[in-house]
């Protein structure tokens, strides 16, 4: 198909930068433009399920590129991942090796069925490790036909899959965080009602052992407990505005507060991150989250006629990745009552 890459770029931009591609020449909006180019591919302006099936390889090839570029761009431009994650892309069958100079704790989280298997391993200084990857499949039922018939926007078609992948990665990271605390010395942990002196003491331990300033990570709910006890009369007007706008303050008494992106555990309404936990991490250039994508993503049609007696179709977008968290230095955890 001619101008395939132009179509891919337009599709990605329609999801990531919708305001920049709001309208095109002759008054056509972005969905109309994208839809017409797919119609050109199928050779009809009124495609049926037969037309989609006949041209599915060409359609899937475009959707594969769009989905891959969309979710990876979202991860690379995400403020949290930009600050804390190292992302690598490798060929299928290759292994990405990471090297650490100091003693560290490697936490690997893998999802199997409906339970989590957590592996914790002490790594001695000078060791290397690889990130194990596995395949994840996201199923979407009949949505391309809804898009082709004008009942679904392209942005919604793609966003559902891209967001599902990103949320899965967030969930993997959250599980690694939750299980890394078992390796910490008692001086680096605390439990109880929030107390500024207790937090300051943990921060002091982290800064003393690492030689770097510390930052405090927590969910919106956890960070709200830090700011709840502040005397508003001591806050500047800009801090008051920030508190009213976002419910938190980015800097409190010399400490930088970073909000963790809260997500649900897969297929539940249970939060992945503990809303009562503050993580105190050294502010270094060492990105402790390792994300590895292996091979090319691909689409697969589900052809089980018994599963789809209504003759609709389903496709699965299959990607392969792994997530490890490795803390090469000690950090602190404050669990709030």
C-alpha atoms as a PDB file:
ATOM      1  CA  UNK A   1       0.000   0.000   0.000  1.00  0.00           C
ATOM      2  CA  UNK A   2       1.352   3.400  -0.974  1.00  0.00           C
ATOM      3  CA  UNK A   3       1.867   5.927   1.807  1.00  0.00           C
ATOM      4  CA  UNK A   4       1.546   3.194   4.421  1.00  0.00           C
ATOM      5  CA  UNK A   5       3.951   4.945   6.789  1.00  0.00           C
ATOM      6  CA  UNK A   6       2.051   8.211   6.354  1.00  0.00           C
ATOM      7  CA  UNK A   7      -1.133   6.390   7.394  1.00  0.00           C
ATOM      8  CA  UNK A   8       0.640   4.815  10.376  1.00  0.00           C
ATOM      9  CA  UNK A   9       1.923   8.238  11.463  1.00  0.00           C
ATOM     10  CA  UNK A  10      -1.525   9.769  11.081  1.00  0.00           C
ATOM     11  CA  UNK A  11      -3.058   6.953  13.139  1.00  0.00           C
ATOM     12  CA  UNK A  12      -0.473   7.368  15.911  1.00  0.00           C
ATOM     13  CA  UNK A  13      -0.884  11.150  15.946  1.00  0.00           C
ATOM     14  CA  UNK A  14      -4.664  10.797  16.166  1.00  0.00           C
ATOM     15  CA  UNK A  15      -4.173   8.930  19.459  1.00  0.00           C
ATOM     16  CA  UNK A  16      -1.176  10.753  20.937  1.00  0.00           C
ATOM     17  CA  UNK A  17      -1.695  14.295  19.588  1.00  0.00           C
ATOM     18  CA  UNK A  18      -5.400  14.608  18.702  1.00  0.00           C
ATOM     19  CA  UNK A  19      -5.472  18.415  18.861  1.00  0.00           C
ATOM     20  CA  UNK A  20      -2.699  18.664  16.262  1.00  0.00           C
ATOM     21  CA  UNK A  21      -4.598  16.575  13.704  1.00  0.00           C
ATOM     22  CA  UNK A  22      -8.136  17.733  14.503  1.00  0.00           C
ATOM     23  CA  UNK A  23      -9.086  18.675  10.951  1.00  0.00           C
ATOM     24  CA  UNK A  24      -7.773  18.137   7.464  1.00  0.00           C
ATOM     25  CA  UNK A  25      -8.370  19.608   4.038  1.00  0.00           C
ATOM     26  CA  UNK A  26     -11.922  19.843   2.701  1.00  0.00           C
ATOM     27  CA  UNK A  27     -13.280  19.811   6.237  1.00  0.00           C
ATOM     28  CA  UNK A  28     -12.688  16.090   6.828  1.00  0.00           C
ATOM     29  CA  UNK A  29     -11.912  15.120  10.408  1.00  0.00           C
ATOM     30  CA  UNK A  30      -9.154  12.686  11.295  1.00  0.00           C
ATOM     31  CA  UNK A  31     -11.412   9.623  11.666  1.00  0.00           C
ATOM     32  CA  UNK A  32     -12.969  10.232   8.264  1.00  0.00           C
ATOM     33  CA  UNK A  33      -9.509  10.552   6.724  1.00  0.00           C
ATOM     34  CA  UNK A  34      -8.193   7.372   8.356  1.00  0.00           C
ATOM     35  CA  UNK A  35     -11.374   5.456   7.548  1.00  0.00           C
ATOM     36  CA  UNK A  36     -11.247   6.470   3.874  1.00  0.00           C
ATOM     37  CA  UNK A  37      -7.657   5.242   3.567  1.00  0.00           C
ATOM     38  CA  UNK A  38      -8.654   1.860   4.968  1.00  0.00           C
ATOM     39  CA  UNK A  39     -11.569   1.848   2.513  1.00  0.00           C
ATOM     40  CA  UNK A  40      -9.068   2.428  -0.305  1.00  0.00           C
ATOM     41  CA  UNK A  41      -7.114  -0.558   0.973  1.00  0.00           C
ATOM     42  CA  UNK A  42     -10.225  -2.760   0.897  1.00  0.00           C
ATOM     43  CA  UNK A  43     -11.505  -1.305  -2.386  1.00  0.00           C
ATOM     44  CA  UNK A  44     -14.943  -0.372  -1.062  1.00  0.00           C
ATOM     45  CA  UNK A  45     -16.626   2.430   0.844  1.00  0.00           C
ATOM     46  CA  UNK A  46     -19.041   0.029   2.540  1.00  0.00           C
ATOM     47  CA  UNK A  47     -16.905  -2.819   3.880  1.00  0.00           C
ATOM     48  CA  UNK A  48     -18.473  -6.001   5.181  1.00  0.00           C
ATOM     49  CA  UNK A  49     -17.013  -8.632   7.485  1.00  0.00           C
ATOM     50  CA  UNK A  50     -16.006 -10.493   4.306  1.00  0.00           C
ATOM     51  CA  UNK A  51     -14.006  -7.496   3.072  1.00  0.00           C
ATOM     52  CA  UNK A  52     -12.217  -7.167   6.396  1.00  0.00           C
ATOM     53  CA  UNK A  53     -11.415 -10.892   6.419  1.00  0.00           C
ATOM     54  CA  UNK A  54     -10.131 -10.748   2.847  1.00  0.00           C
ATOM     55  CA  UNK A  55      -7.743  -7.858   3.625  1.00  0.00           C
ATOM     56  CA  UNK A  56      -7.007  -8.717   7.249  1.00  0.00           C
ATOM     57  CA  UNK A  57      -3.251  -9.228   6.735  1.00  0.00           C
ATOM     58  CA  UNK A  58      -2.804  -5.712   5.337  1.00  0.00           C
ATOM     59  CA  UNK A  59      -5.090  -4.253   8.022  1.00  0.00           C
ATOM     60  CA  UNK A  60      -3.333  -6.133  10.816  1.00  0.00           C
ATOM     61  CA  UNK A  61       0.084  -5.062   9.529  1.00  0.00           C
ATOM     62  CA  UNK A  62      -0.920  -1.412   9.879  1.00  0.00           C
ATOM     63  CA  UNK A  63      -2.597  -1.913  13.272  1.00  0.00           C
ATOM     64  CA  UNK A  64       0.483  -3.764  14.573  1.00  0.00           C
ATOM     65  CA  UNK A  65       2.726  -0.814  13.771  1.00  0.00           C
ATOM     66  CA  UNK A  66       0.273   1.733  15.147  1.00  0.00           C
ATOM     67  CA  UNK A  67      -0.300  -0.141  18.406  1.00  0.00           C
ATOM     68  CA  UNK A  68       3.405  -0.814  18.962  1.00  0.00           C
ATOM     69  CA  UNK A  69       4.404   2.785  18.324  1.00  0.00           C
ATOM     70  CA  UNK A  70       1.522   4.124  20.429  1.00  0.00           C
ATOM     71  CA  UNK A  71       2.087   2.165  23.628  1.00  0.00           C
ATOM     72  CA  UNK A  72       5.884   2.417  23.478  1.00  0.00           C
ATOM     73  CA  UNK A  73       5.679   6.146  22.838  1.00  0.00           C
ATOM     74  CA  UNK A  74       3.317   6.440  25.781  1.00  0.00           C
ATOM     75  CA  UNK A  75       5.776   4.636  28.042  1.00  0.00           C
ATOM     76  CA  UNK A  76       8.800   6.598  26.841  1.00  0.00           C
ATOM     77  CA  UNK A  77       6.964   9.908  27.340  1.00  0.00           C
ATOM     78  CA  UNK A  78       5.420   8.960  30.684  1.00  0.00           C
ATOM     79  CA  UNK A  79       6.850  11.155  33.463  1.00  0.00           C
ATOM     80  CA  UNK A  80       7.132   8.246  35.905  1.00  0.00           C
ATOM     81  CA  UNK A  81       8.866   5.893  33.469  1.00  0.00           C
ATOM     82  CA  UNK A  82      11.127   8.665  32.165  1.00  0.00           C
ATOM     83  CA  UNK A  83      12.403   9.247  35.692  1.00  0.00           C
ATOM     84  CA  UNK A  84      12.687   5.692  36.987  1.00  0.00           C
ATOM     85  CA  UNK A  85      12.696   3.196  34.085  1.00  0.00           C
ATOM     86  CA  UNK A  86      15.310   1.970  31.646  1.00  0.00           C
ATOM     87  CA  UNK A  87      13.619   0.622  28.506  1.00  0.00           C
ATOM     88  CA  UNK A  88      15.336  -1.720  26.055  1.00  0.00           C
ATOM     89  CA  UNK A  89      14.155  -3.292  22.788  1.00  0.00           C
ATOM     90  CA  UNK A  90      15.753  -6.543  21.662  1.00  0.00           C
ATOM     91  CA  UNK A  91      15.300  -9.030  18.838  1.00  0.00           C
ATOM     92  CA  UNK A  92      13.303 -12.212  19.396  1.00  0.00           C
ATOM     93  CA  UNK A  93      15.516 -14.822  21.049  1.00  0.00           C
ATOM     94  CA  UNK A  94      18.098 -12.310  22.297  1.00  0.00           C
ATOM     95  CA  UNK A  95      18.786 -11.623  25.961  1.00  0.00           C
ATOM     96  CA  UNK A  96      19.450  -8.201  27.479  1.00  0.00           C
ATOM     97  CA  UNK A  97      22.101  -8.326  30.170  1.00  0.00           C
ATOM     98  CA  UNK A  98      22.303  -5.723  32.928  1.00  0.00           C
ATOM     99  CA  UNK A  99      25.366  -5.269  35.130  1.00  0.00           C
ATOM    100  CA  UNK A 100      25.471  -3.965  38.692  1.00  0.00           C
ATOM    101  CA  UNK A 101      28.562  -2.818  40.558  1.00  0.00           C
ATOM    102  CA  UNK A 102      27.192  -2.884  44.110  1.00  0.00           C
ATOM    103  CA  UNK A 103      25.187  -5.340  46.178  1.00  0.00           C
ATOM    104  CA  UNK A 104      21.547  -5.160  45.235  1.00  0.00           C
ATOM    105  CA  UNK A 105      18.174  -6.816  45.561  1.00  0.00           C
ATOM    106  CA  UNK A 106      16.556  -8.042  42.350  1.00  0.00           C
ATOM    107  CA  UNK A 107      12.794  -8.459  42.496  1.00  0.00           C
ATOM    108  CA  UNK A 108      11.083 -10.319  39.668  1.00  0.00           C
ATOM    109  CA  UNK A 109       7.312 -10.491  39.432  1.00  0.00           C
ATOM    110  CA  UNK A 110       5.557 -12.887  37.092  1.00  0.00           C
ATOM    111  CA  UNK A 111       1.854 -13.445  36.649  1.00  0.00           C
ATOM    112  CA  UNK A 112       0.699 -17.026  36.203  1.00  0.00           C
ATOM    113  CA  UNK A 113      -3.000 -17.807  35.983  1.00  0.00           C
ATOM    114  CA  UNK A 114      -4.675 -15.862  38.767  1.00  0.00           C
ATOM    115  CA  UNK A 115      -1.764 -15.582  41.195  1.00  0.00           C
ATOM    116  CA  UNK A 116       1.610 -13.898  41.429  1.00  0.00           C
ATOM    117  CA  UNK A 117       4.945 -15.691  41.770  1.00  0.00           C
ATOM    118  CA  UNK A 118       7.510 -13.435  43.405  1.00  0.00           C
ATOM    119  CA  UNK A 119      11.218 -14.193  43.217  1.00  0.00           C
ATOM    120  CA  UNK A 120      13.721 -12.297  45.354  1.00  0.00           C
ATOM    121  CA  UNK A 121      17.415 -12.821  44.843  1.00  0.00           C
ATOM    122  CA  UNK A 122      20.418 -11.244  46.535  1.00  0.00           C
ATOM    123  CA  UNK A 123      22.983 -10.175  43.940  1.00  0.00           C
ATOM    124  CA  UNK A 124      26.581  -9.695  44.991  1.00  0.00           C
ATOM    125  CA  UNK A 125      28.615  -6.780  43.675  1.00  0.00           C
ATOM    126  CA  UNK A 126      29.856  -7.174  40.118  1.00  0.00           C
ATOM    127  CA  UNK A 127      27.002  -9.480  39.080  1.00  0.00           C
ATOM    128  CA  UNK A 128      24.906  -9.350  35.924  1.00  0.00           C
ATOM    129  CA  UNK A 129      21.373 -10.484  35.233  1.00  0.00           C
ATOM    130  CA  UNK A 130      18.878 -10.730  32.386  1.00  0.00           C
ATOM    131  CA  UNK A 131      15.208  -9.759  32.290  1.00  0.00           C
ATOM    132  CA  UNK A 132      12.987 -12.713  31.514  1.00  0.00           C
ATOM    133  CA  UNK A 133      10.237 -11.876  29.020  1.00  0.00           C
ATOM    134  CA  UNK A 134       6.893 -13.523  28.368  1.00  0.00           C
ATOM    135  CA  UNK A 135       4.065 -13.054  25.890  1.00  0.00           C
ATOM    136  CA  UNK A 136       0.953 -11.065  26.766  1.00  0.00           C
ATOM    137  CA  UNK A 137      -2.172 -11.137  24.602  1.00  0.00           C
ATOM    138  CA  UNK A 138      -4.852  -8.454  24.650  1.00  0.00           C
ATOM    139  CA  UNK A 139      -8.109  -9.438  22.996  1.00  0.00           C
ATOM    140  CA  UNK A 140     -10.373  -6.936  21.262  1.00  0.00           C
ATOM    141  CA  UNK A 141     -13.788  -8.104  20.084  1.00  0.00           C
ATOM    142  CA  UNK A 142     -15.095  -6.844  16.767  1.00  0.00           C
ATOM    143  CA  UNK A 143     -13.863  -3.291  17.257  1.00  0.00           C
ATOM    144  CA  UNK A 144     -12.293  -2.706  13.855  1.00  0.00           C
ATOM    145  CA  UNK A 145     -15.655  -3.360  12.207  1.00  0.00           C
ATOM    146  CA  UNK A 146     -17.232  -0.770  14.508  1.00  0.00           C
ATOM    147  CA  UNK A 147     -14.552   1.704  13.427  1.00  0.00           C
ATOM    148  CA  UNK A 148     -15.028   0.864   9.734  1.00  0.00           C
ATOM    149  CA  UNK A 149     -18.765   1.473  10.024  1.00  0.00           C
ATOM    150  CA  UNK A 150     -18.289   4.807  11.799  1.00  0.00           C
ATOM    151  CA  UNK A 151     -19.465   3.716  15.257  1.00  0.00           C
ATOM    152  CA  UNK A 152     -16.086   3.922  17.003  1.00  0.00           C
ATOM    153  CA  UNK A 153     -13.260   6.432  16.748  1.00  0.00           C
ATOM    154  CA  UNK A 154      -9.828   5.196  15.785  1.00  0.00           C
ATOM    155  CA  UNK A 155      -8.354   6.727  18.935  1.00  0.00           C
ATOM    156  CA  UNK A 156     -10.660   4.621  21.112  1.00  0.00           C
ATOM    157  CA  UNK A 157      -9.918   1.514  19.040  1.00  0.00           C
ATOM    158  CA  UNK A 158      -6.174   1.842  19.650  1.00  0.00           C
ATOM    159  CA  UNK A 159      -6.203   3.431  23.110  1.00  0.00           C
ATOM    160  CA  UNK A 160      -7.947   0.476  24.738  1.00  0.00           C
ATOM    161  CA  UNK A 161      -5.146  -1.882  23.742  1.00  0.00           C
ATOM    162  CA  UNK A 162      -2.275   0.554  24.350  1.00  0.00           C
ATOM    163  CA  UNK A 163      -3.614   1.496  27.784  1.00  0.00           C
ATOM    164  CA  UNK A 164      -4.072  -2.161  28.722  1.00  0.00           C
ATOM    165  CA  UNK A 165      -0.396  -2.847  28.009  1.00  0.00           C
ATOM    166  CA  UNK A 166       0.785   0.212  29.905  1.00  0.00           C
ATOM    167  CA  UNK A 167      -1.415  -0.640  32.898  1.00  0.00           C
ATOM    168  CA  UNK A 168      -0.043  -4.179  32.886  1.00  0.00           C
ATOM    169  CA  UNK A 169       3.501  -2.813  33.069  1.00  0.00           C
ATOM    170  CA  UNK A 170       2.500  -0.487  35.913  1.00  0.00           C
ATOM    171  CA  UNK A 171       1.027  -3.480  37.727  1.00  0.00           C
ATOM    172  CA  UNK A 172       4.230  -5.483  37.299  1.00  0.00           C
ATOM    173  CA  UNK A 173       6.265  -2.605  38.725  1.00  0.00           C
ATOM    174  CA  UNK A 174       3.848  -2.220  41.649  1.00  0.00           C
ATOM    175  CA  UNK A 175       4.237  -5.886  42.587  1.00  0.00           C
ATOM    176  CA  UNK A 176       8.015  -5.530  42.526  1.00  0.00           C
ATOM    177  CA  UNK A 177       7.821  -2.532  44.862  1.00  0.00           C
ATOM    178  CA  UNK A 178       5.480  -4.320  47.241  1.00  0.00           C
ATOM    179  CA  UNK A 179       7.806  -7.279  47.682  1.00  0.00           C
ATOM    180  CA  UNK A 180      11.181  -5.522  47.767  1.00  0.00           C
ATOM    181  CA  UNK A 181      10.601  -4.158  51.286  1.00  0.00           C
ATOM    182  CA  UNK A 182      11.182  -7.564  52.923  1.00  0.00           C
ATOM    183  CA  UNK A 183      14.929  -7.219  52.310  1.00  0.00           C
ATOM    184  CA  UNK A 184      15.351  -3.882  54.104  1.00  0.00           C
ATOM    185  CA  UNK A 185      17.083  -3.405  57.494  1.00  0.00           C
ATOM    186  CA  UNK A 186      14.829  -2.290  60.351  1.00  0.00           C
ATOM    187  CA  UNK A 187      16.363   1.205  60.391  1.00  0.00           C
ATOM    188  CA  UNK A 188      15.000   1.827  56.904  1.00  0.00           C
ATOM    189  CA  UNK A 189      11.385   0.941  57.709  1.00  0.00           C
ATOM    190  CA  UNK A 190       8.681   2.329  59.984  1.00  0.00           C
ATOM    191  CA  UNK A 191       5.009   1.681  60.734  1.00  0.00           C
ATOM    192  CA  UNK A 192       2.320   3.823  62.345  1.00  0.00           C
ATOM    193  CA  UNK A 193       0.496   7.110  62.035  1.00  0.00           C
ATOM    194  CA  UNK A 194       2.262   9.710  59.934  1.00  0.00           C
ATOM    195  CA  UNK A 195       4.895  11.634  61.817  1.00  0.00           C
ATOM    196  CA  UNK A 196       7.214  14.081  60.113  1.00  0.00           C
ATOM    197  CA  UNK A 197      10.116  13.252  62.434  1.00  0.00           C
ATOM    198  CA  UNK A 198       9.843   9.541  61.552  1.00  0.00           C
ATOM    199  CA  UNK A 199       9.899  10.275  57.831  1.00  0.00           C
ATOM    200  CA  UNK A 200      12.848  12.631  58.281  1.00  0.00           C
ATOM    201  CA  UNK A 201      14.792   9.931  60.123  1.00  0.00           C
ATOM    202  CA  UNK A 202      14.264   7.375  57.332  1.00  0.00           C
ATOM    203  CA  UNK A 203      15.284  10.003  54.780  1.00  0.00           C
ATOM    204  CA  UNK A 204      18.445  10.667  56.791  1.00  0.00           C
ATOM    205  CA  UNK A 205      19.337   6.936  56.778  1.00  0.00           C
ATOM    206  CA  UNK A 206      18.826   6.688  52.999  1.00  0.00           C
ATOM    207  CA  UNK A 207      20.871   9.820  52.316  1.00  0.00           C
ATOM    208  CA  UNK A 208      23.636   8.732  54.684  1.00  0.00           C
ATOM    209  CA  UNK A 209      24.105   5.315  53.085  1.00  0.00           C
ATOM    210  CA  UNK A 210      23.780   6.471  49.465  1.00  0.00           C
ATOM    211  CA  UNK A 211      25.311   9.930  49.557  1.00  0.00           C
ATOM    212  CA  UNK A 212      22.420  11.234  47.458  1.00  0.00           C
ATOM    213  CA  UNK A 213      19.348  13.343  48.300  1.00  0.00           C
ATOM    214  CA  UNK A 214      16.182  11.298  48.790  1.00  0.00           C
ATOM    215  CA  UNK A 215      12.725  11.643  47.265  1.00  0.00           C
ATOM    216  CA  UNK A 216       9.422  10.342  48.604  1.00  0.00           C
ATOM    217  CA  UNK A 217       7.102   8.293  46.384  1.00  0.00           C
ATOM    218  CA  UNK A 218       3.505   7.441  47.151  1.00  0.00           C
ATOM    219  CA  UNK A 219       0.023   7.286  45.725  1.00  0.00           C
ATOM    220  CA  UNK A 220      -2.218  10.364  45.821  1.00  0.00           C
ATOM    221  CA  UNK A 221      -3.815   8.996  49.006  1.00  0.00           C
ATOM    222  CA  UNK A 222      -0.486   8.303  50.705  1.00  0.00           C
ATOM    223  CA  UNK A 223       0.976  11.705  49.828  1.00  0.00           C
ATOM    224  CA  UNK A 224      -2.197  13.414  51.066  1.00  0.00           C
ATOM    225  CA  UNK A 225      -1.335  12.135  54.541  1.00  0.00           C
ATOM    226  CA  UNK A 226       1.999  13.944  54.322  1.00  0.00           C
ATOM    227  CA  UNK A 227       0.410  17.264  53.422  1.00  0.00           C
ATOM    228  CA  UNK A 228      -2.637  16.875  55.713  1.00  0.00           C
ATOM    229  CA  UNK A 229      -0.686  17.890  58.817  1.00  0.00           C
ATOM    230  CA  UNK A 230       0.912  20.971  57.311  1.00  0.00           C
ATOM    231  CA  UNK A 231       0.106  24.333  58.829  1.00  0.00           C
ATOM    232  CA  UNK A 232      -1.489  26.200  55.936  1.00  0.00           C
ATOM    233  CA  UNK A 233      -0.506  29.562  57.417  1.00  0.00           C
ATOM    234  CA  UNK A 234       3.142  28.724  56.710  1.00  0.00           C
ATOM    235  CA  UNK A 235       2.508  27.960  53.037  1.00  0.00           C
ATOM    236  CA  UNK A 236       3.171  30.447  50.253  1.00  0.00           C
ATOM    237  CA  UNK A 237       0.364  31.460  47.904  1.00  0.00           C
ATOM    238  CA  UNK A 238       1.827  29.294  45.124  1.00  0.00           C
ATOM    239  CA  UNK A 239       1.966  26.281  47.466  1.00  0.00           C
ATOM    240  CA  UNK A 240      -1.643  26.885  48.531  1.00  0.00           C
ATOM    241  CA  UNK A 241      -2.696  27.035  44.875  1.00  0.00           C
ATOM    242  CA  UNK A 242      -0.757  23.841  44.132  1.00  0.00           C
ATOM    243  CA  UNK A 243      -2.406  22.083  47.087  1.00  0.00           C
ATOM    244  CA  UNK A 244      -5.874  23.221  45.981  1.00  0.00           C
ATOM    245  CA  UNK A 245      -5.239  22.227  42.361  1.00  0.00           C
ATOM    246  CA  UNK A 246      -3.564  18.821  42.781  1.00  0.00           C
ATOM    247  CA  UNK A 247      -4.243  17.843  46.400  1.00  0.00           C
ATOM    248  CA  UNK A 248      -0.541  17.702  47.180  1.00  0.00           C
ATOM    249  CA  UNK A 249       2.617  19.793  47.205  1.00  0.00           C
ATOM    250  CA  UNK A 250       5.649  18.809  45.155  1.00  0.00           C
ATOM    251  CA  UNK A 251       8.116  19.907  47.834  1.00  0.00           C
ATOM    252  CA  UNK A 252       7.631  19.768  51.597  1.00  0.00           C
ATOM    253  CA  UNK A 253      10.335  20.820  54.052  1.00  0.00           C
ATOM    254  CA  UNK A 254      13.064  20.189  51.511  1.00  0.00           C
ATOM    255  CA  UNK A 255      11.643  16.823  50.393  1.00  0.00           C
ATOM    256  CA  UNK A 256      10.470  16.147  46.840  1.00  0.00           C
ATOM    257  CA  UNK A 257       7.167  14.234  46.675  1.00  0.00           C
ATOM    258  CA  UNK A 258       6.490  12.099  43.577  1.00  0.00           C
ATOM    259  CA  UNK A 259       3.049  10.629  42.909  1.00  0.00           C
ATOM    260  CA  UNK A 260       2.887   6.972  41.886  1.00  0.00           C
ATOM    261  CA  UNK A 261       0.370   6.147  39.143  1.00  0.00           C
ATOM    262  CA  UNK A 262      -2.282   4.058  40.901  1.00  0.00           C
ATOM    263  CA  UNK A 263      -3.701   1.122  38.921  1.00  0.00           C
ATOM    264  CA  UNK A 264      -5.940  -1.867  39.617  1.00  0.00           C
ATOM    265  CA  UNK A 265      -4.641  -5.399  39.761  1.00  0.00           C
ATOM    266  CA  UNK A 266      -5.626  -7.348  36.687  1.00  0.00           C
ATOM    267  CA  UNK A 267      -9.351  -8.184  36.499  1.00  0.00           C
ATOM    268  CA  UNK A 268     -10.042  -6.722  39.968  1.00  0.00           C
ATOM    269  CA  UNK A 269     -10.851  -3.418  41.630  1.00  0.00           C
ATOM    270  CA  UNK A 270      -8.006  -3.917  44.098  1.00  0.00           C
ATOM    271  CA  UNK A 271      -5.302  -1.269  43.947  1.00  0.00           C
ATOM    272  CA  UNK A 272      -1.824  -2.443  42.935  1.00  0.00           C
ATOM    273  CA  UNK A 273       0.004   0.134  45.053  1.00  0.00           C
ATOM    274  CA  UNK A 274      -0.469   0.329  48.808  1.00  0.00           C
ATOM    275  CA  UNK A 275      -2.261   3.594  49.600  1.00  0.00           C
ATOM    276  CA  UNK A 276      -0.662   3.568  53.052  1.00  0.00           C
ATOM    277  CA  UNK A 277       2.946   3.253  51.932  1.00  0.00           C
ATOM    278  CA  UNK A 278       5.650   5.843  51.287  1.00  0.00           C
ATOM    279  CA  UNK A 279       8.835   4.827  49.473  1.00  0.00           C
ATOM    280  CA  UNK A 280      11.979   6.823  50.182  1.00  0.00           C
ATOM    281  CA  UNK A 281      14.415   6.432  47.290  1.00  0.00           C
ATOM    282  CA  UNK A 282      17.826   7.967  46.613  1.00  0.00           C
ATOM    283  CA  UNK A 283      17.759  10.483  43.768  1.00  0.00           C
ATOM    284  CA  UNK A 284      20.445   9.015  41.525  1.00  0.00           C
ATOM    285  CA  UNK A 285      20.929   8.420  37.817  1.00  0.00           C
ATOM    286  CA  UNK A 286      20.397   4.702  38.389  1.00  0.00           C
ATOM    287  CA  UNK A 287      17.005   3.784  36.905  1.00  0.00           C
ATOM    288  CA  UNK A 288      15.884   0.846  39.013  1.00  0.00           C
ATOM    289  CA  UNK A 289      12.994  -0.343  36.798  1.00  0.00           C
ATOM    290  CA  UNK A 290      14.174  -2.461  33.856  1.00  0.00           C
ATOM    291  CA  UNK A 291      11.688  -2.988  31.015  1.00  0.00           C
ATOM    292  CA  UNK A 292      12.633  -5.172  28.062  1.00  0.00           C
ATOM    293  CA  UNK A 293      10.517  -5.644  24.934  1.00  0.00           C
ATOM    294  CA  UNK A 294      11.455  -8.708  22.909  1.00  0.00           C
ATOM    295  CA  UNK A 295      10.774  -9.195  19.207  1.00  0.00           C
ATOM    296  CA  UNK A 296       8.037  -7.679  17.087  1.00  0.00           C
ATOM    297  CA  UNK A 297       4.418  -7.384  18.183  1.00  0.00           C
ATOM    298  CA  UNK A 298       1.830  -9.098  16.035  1.00  0.00           C
ATOM    299  CA  UNK A 299      -1.900  -9.507  15.564  1.00  0.00           C
ATOM    300  CA  UNK A 300      -3.684 -12.826  15.504  1.00  0.00           C
ATOM    301  CA  UNK A 301      -7.275 -13.464  14.532  1.00  0.00           C
ATOM    302  CA  UNK A 302      -9.317 -15.746  16.769  1.00  0.00           C
ATOM    303  CA  UNK A 303     -11.062 -18.170  14.411  1.00  0.00           C
ATOM    304  CA  UNK A 304     -13.009 -20.308  16.884  1.00  0.00           C
ATOM    305  CA  UNK A 305     -16.446 -20.473  15.257  1.00  0.00           C
ATOM    306  CA  UNK A 306     -17.994 -21.957  18.402  1.00  0.00           C
ATOM    307  CA  UNK A 307     -16.836 -18.935  20.423  1.00  0.00           C
ATOM    308  CA  UNK A 308     -18.359 -16.441  17.974  1.00  0.00           C
ATOM    309  CA  UNK A 309     -21.656 -17.871  16.773  1.00  0.00           C
ATOM    310  CA  UNK A 310     -22.777 -14.342  15.830  1.00  0.00           C
ATOM    311  CA  UNK A 311     -20.106 -14.383  13.076  1.00  0.00           C
ATOM    312  CA  UNK A 312     -18.318 -11.398  14.594  1.00  0.00           C
ATOM    313  CA  UNK A 313     -14.547 -11.503  14.855  1.00  0.00           C
ATOM    314  CA  UNK A 314     -11.936 -11.075  17.534  1.00  0.00           C
ATOM    315  CA  UNK A 315      -8.254 -10.316  17.272  1.00  0.00           C
ATOM    316  CA  UNK A 316      -5.486 -10.532  19.810  1.00  0.00           C
ATOM    317  CA  UNK A 317      -2.563  -8.160  19.934  1.00  0.00           C
ATOM    318  CA  UNK A 318       0.420 -10.122  21.240  1.00  0.00           C
ATOM    319  CA  UNK A 319       3.477  -8.454  22.709  1.00  0.00           C
ATOM    320  CA  UNK A 320       6.410  -9.855  24.633  1.00  0.00           C
ATOM    321  CA  UNK A 321       8.042  -8.015  27.521  1.00  0.00           C
ATOM    322  CA  UNK A 322       9.557  -8.413  30.964  1.00  0.00           C
ATOM    323  CA  UNK A 323       9.834  -6.142  33.997  1.00  0.00           C
ATOM    324  CA  UNK A 324      12.372  -6.321  36.807  1.00  0.00           C
ATOM    325  CA  UNK A 325      13.043  -3.897  39.625  1.00  0.00           C
ATOM    326  CA  UNK A 326      16.598  -3.771  40.914  1.00  0.00           C
ATOM    327  CA  UNK A 327      17.510  -1.533  43.805  1.00  0.00           C
ATOM    328  CA  UNK A 328      21.292  -1.208  43.742  1.00  0.00           C
ATOM    329  CA  UNK A 329      21.248   0.785  46.995  1.00  0.00           C
ATOM    330  CA  UNK A 330      19.190   0.732  50.160  1.00  0.00           C
ATOM    331  CA  UNK A 331      15.901   2.642  50.260  1.00  0.00           C
ATOM    332  CA  UNK A 332      13.259   3.308  52.900  1.00  0.00           C
ATOM    333  CA  UNK A 333       9.614   2.378  53.427  1.00  0.00           C
ATOM    334  CA  UNK A 334       7.149   4.095  55.741  1.00  0.00           C
ATOM    335  CA  UNK A 335       3.868   2.187  56.149  1.00  0.00           C
ATOM    336  CA  UNK A 336       1.169   4.502  57.482  1.00  0.00           C
ATOM    337  CA  UNK A 337      -1.630   3.462  59.767  1.00  0.00           C
END
